[in-house]
Amino acid sequence: MNDFLSPGSFVRLSGRPDWGIGQVQTVIGSRVTVNFEHGGKQLINTDRASLVAVDHGMFGR
């Protein structure tokens, strides 16, 4: 379930840790647009990929 995903939430993509922390821009069903530190803006299908919530206090933003 993606109940934790909302615009402004901070996440990591489990399959691409090199992209760093991302901030959720939009959520439409299972399609989530995320702007990653090192991966840029990406459209993620959460039916196929796992986003993990991150506490933004963890990295000083």
Protein backbone atom coordinates (compact mmCIF):
# COMPACT_ATOMS: atom_id res chain seq x y z
CA MET A 1 0.00 0.00 0.00
CA ASN A 2 1.22 3.53 -0.77
CA ASP A 3 -0.67 5.36 1.98
CA PHE A 4 2.55 7.03 3.18
CA LEU A 5 3.11 8.67 -0.22
CA SER A 6 1.97 12.24 -0.62
CA PRO A 7 3.45 15.32 -2.26
CA GLY A 8 6.34 16.55 -0.15
CA SER A 9 7.17 13.11 1.32
CA PHE A 10 10.78 11.97 1.18
CA VAL A 11 11.59 8.50 -0.19
CA ARG A 12 14.27 6.21 -1.53
CA LEU A 13 13.86 3.80 -4.42
CA SER A 14 15.04 0.42 -3.14
CA GLY A 15 16.35 -0.65 -6.56
CA ARG A 16 18.35 2.56 -7.16
CA PRO A 17 20.10 3.66 -3.96
CA ASP A 18 22.53 5.66 -6.11
CA TRP A 19 19.71 8.12 -6.89
CA GLY A 20 19.71 9.23 -3.23
CA ILE A 21 16.77 10.78 -1.44
CA GLY A 22 13.79 11.87 -3.50
CA GLN A 23 10.87 14.16 -2.80
CA VAL A 24 7.44 13.07 -4.02
CA GLN A 25 5.94 15.57 -6.46
CA THR A 26 2.66 13.87 -7.46
CA VAL A 27 0.77 10.67 -6.69
CA ILE A 28 -1.87 9.36 -9.10
CA GLY A 29 -2.82 5.80 -8.24
CA SER A 30 0.32 3.70 -8.55
CA ARG A 31 2.15 6.38 -10.58
CA VAL A 32 4.39 8.55 -8.42
CA THR A 33 6.59 11.36 -9.69
CA VAL A 34 9.70 11.78 -7.56
CA ASN A 35 12.54 14.28 -7.85
CA PHE A 36 15.72 12.48 -6.72
CA GLU A 37 18.96 14.15 -5.55
CA HIS A 38 21.12 12.27 -8.05
CA GLY A 39 18.54 10.73 -10.38
CA GLY A 40 16.44 13.73 -11.37
CA LYS A 41 12.70 13.62 -11.90
CA GLN A 42 11.40 10.07 -12.36
CA LEU A 43 7.95 8.54 -12.86
CA ILE A 44 7.79 5.44 -10.65
CA ASN A 45 5.18 2.71 -11.01
CA THR A 46 4.79 1.44 -7.45
CA ASP A 47 3.20 -1.77 -8.73
CA ARG A 48 6.67 -2.64 -10.05
CA ALA A 49 9.10 -0.76 -7.78
CA SER A 50 9.31 -0.20 -4.05
CA LEU A 51 9.58 3.28 -2.58
CA VAL A 52 10.67 3.47 1.05
CA ALA A 53 9.70 6.40 3.28
CA VAL A 54 12.60 8.42 4.70
CA ASP A 55 12.51 10.79 7.66
CA HIS A 56 13.77 14.05 6.13
CA GLY A 57 15.41 14.94 9.46
CA MET A 58 17.84 12.08 8.84
CA PHE A 59 19.75 14.02 6.21
CA GLY A 60 19.50 17.60 7.38
CA ARG A 61 16.98 19.15 5.03
